[in-house]
Amino acid sequence: MAAAIAWAVAGSTDWLVWTGSIVAGVSVLAVGPVSHRIWYR
């Protein structure tokens, strides 16, 4: 995930692409702990 974010940031000079990539990456990584807490509650 970090490599995909870095690739998107390195490949673009637009701040909107950077922001979107970082938000998408954090969202994907946040799903795991949240679903784990809900599932094993």
N, C-alpha and C. Protein backbone atom coordinates (compact mmCIF):
# COMPACT_ATOMS: atom_id res chain seq x y z
N MET A 1 0.83 -1.18 0.00
CA MET A 1 0.00 0.00 0.00
C MET A 1 0.88 1.25 0.00
N ALA A 2 1.91 1.23 0.80
CA ALA A 2 2.82 2.38 0.85
C ALA A 2 3.49 2.60 -0.50
N ALA A 3 3.84 1.52 -1.17
CA ALA A 3 4.47 1.64 -2.49
C ALA A 3 3.51 2.23 -3.51
N ALA A 4 2.24 1.86 -3.45
CA ALA A 4 1.25 2.41 -4.37
C ALA A 4 1.05 3.90 -4.14
N ILE A 5 1.01 4.30 -2.88
CA ILE A 5 0.88 5.72 -2.56
C ILE A 5 2.11 6.49 -3.04
N ALA A 6 3.28 5.94 -2.77
CA ALA A 6 4.51 6.60 -3.19
C ALA A 6 4.58 6.72 -4.71
N TRP A 7 4.14 5.70 -5.41
CA TRP A 7 4.15 5.72 -6.87
C TRP A 7 3.20 6.80 -7.39
N ALA A 8 2.03 6.91 -6.79
CA ALA A 8 1.07 7.93 -7.22
C ALA A 8 1.60 9.34 -6.95
N VAL A 9 2.23 9.51 -5.80
CA VAL A 9 2.78 10.82 -5.46
C VAL A 9 3.95 11.17 -6.35
N ALA A 10 4.81 10.21 -6.62
CA ALA A 10 5.99 10.47 -7.46
C ALA A 10 5.61 10.71 -8.91
N GLY A 11 4.52 10.12 -9.35
CA GLY A 11 4.13 10.23 -10.76
C GLY A 11 3.30 11.45 -11.09
N SER A 12 2.94 12.23 -10.10
CA SER A 12 2.07 13.37 -10.36
C SER A 12 2.56 14.61 -9.63
N THR A 13 2.29 15.75 -10.21
CA THR A 13 2.62 17.01 -9.55
C THR A 13 1.38 17.69 -9.00
N ASP A 14 0.23 17.06 -9.18
CA ASP A 14 -1.04 17.64 -8.74
C ASP A 14 -1.31 17.26 -7.29
N TRP A 15 -1.59 18.25 -6.45
CA TRP A 15 -1.82 18.00 -5.03
C TRP A 15 -3.09 17.19 -4.80
N LEU A 16 -4.05 17.29 -5.72
CA LEU A 16 -5.29 16.53 -5.58
C LEU A 16 -5.05 15.03 -5.73
N VAL A 17 -4.14 14.66 -6.61
CA VAL A 17 -3.78 13.24 -6.76
C VAL A 17 -3.09 12.76 -5.49
N TRP A 18 -2.22 13.56 -4.92
CA TRP A 18 -1.54 13.18 -3.68
C TRP A 18 -2.56 12.96 -2.56
N THR A 19 -3.46 13.92 -2.41
CA THR A 19 -4.45 13.84 -1.34
C THR A 19 -5.36 12.63 -1.53
N GLY A 20 -5.81 12.42 -2.75
CA GLY A 20 -6.68 11.27 -3.03
C GLY A 20 -5.98 9.95 -2.77
N SER A 21 -4.72 9.86 -3.15
CA SER A 21 -3.97 8.62 -2.94
C SER A 21 -3.77 8.34 -1.46
N ILE A 22 -3.43 9.36 -0.71
CA ILE A 22 -3.20 9.18 0.72
C ILE A 22 -4.50 8.83 1.44
N VAL A 23 -5.59 9.52 1.10
CA VAL A 23 -6.88 9.22 1.73
C VAL A 23 -7.34 7.80 1.37
N ALA A 24 -7.18 7.42 0.12
CA ALA A 24 -7.57 6.06 -0.28
C ALA A 24 -6.73 5.01 0.43
N GLY A 25 -5.43 5.24 0.54
CA GLY A 25 -4.56 4.29 1.22
C GLY A 25 -4.88 4.14 2.70
N VAL A 26 -5.12 5.26 3.36
CA VAL A 26 -5.48 5.22 4.78
C VAL A 26 -6.82 4.53 4.96
N SER A 27 -7.75 4.78 4.06
CA SER A 27 -9.07 4.14 4.15
C SER A 27 -8.96 2.63 4.01
N VAL A 28 -8.17 2.17 3.07
CA VAL A 28 -7.99 0.73 2.87
C VAL A 28 -7.34 0.11 4.10
N LEU A 29 -6.34 0.77 4.65
CA LEU A 29 -5.66 0.21 5.82
C LEU A 29 -6.51 0.29 7.08
N ALA A 30 -7.47 1.20 7.14
CA ALA A 30 -8.32 1.33 8.33
C ALA A 30 -9.43 0.29 8.37
N VAL A 31 -9.77 -0.30 7.25
CA VAL A 31 -10.86 -1.27 7.21
C VAL A 31 -10.52 -2.51 8.03
N GLY A 32 -9.30 -2.96 8.00
CA GLY A 32 -8.90 -4.17 8.71
C GLY A 32 -9.15 -4.11 10.21
N PRO A 33 -8.60 -3.15 10.91
CA PRO A 33 -8.83 -3.08 12.35
C PRO A 33 -10.30 -2.85 12.73
N VAL A 34 -11.00 -2.05 11.94
CA VAL A 34 -12.40 -1.79 12.25
C VAL A 34 -13.23 -3.06 12.08
N SER A 35 -13.04 -3.77 10.98
CA SER A 35 -13.80 -5.00 10.77
C SER A 35 -13.41 -6.07 11.79
N HIS A 36 -12.16 -6.09 12.20
CA HIS A 36 -11.72 -7.05 13.22
C HIS A 36 -12.45 -6.80 14.53
N ARG A 37 -12.57 -5.56 14.93
CA ARG A 37 -13.27 -5.24 16.19
C ARG A 37 -14.76 -5.57 16.10
N ILE A 38 -15.37 -5.31 14.94
CA ILE A 38 -16.78 -5.61 14.79
C ILE A 38 -17.01 -7.13 14.75
N TRP A 39 -16.18 -7.85 14.00
CA TRP A 39 -16.36 -9.29 13.82
C TRP A 39 -16.11 -10.06 15.11
N TYR A 40 -15.06 -9.72 15.85
CA TYR A 40 -14.70 -10.48 17.04
C TYR A 40 -15.21 -9.83 18.32
N ARG A 41 -16.25 -9.09 18.23
CA ARG A 41 -16.83 -8.42 19.39
C ARG A 41 -17.51 -9.38 20.32
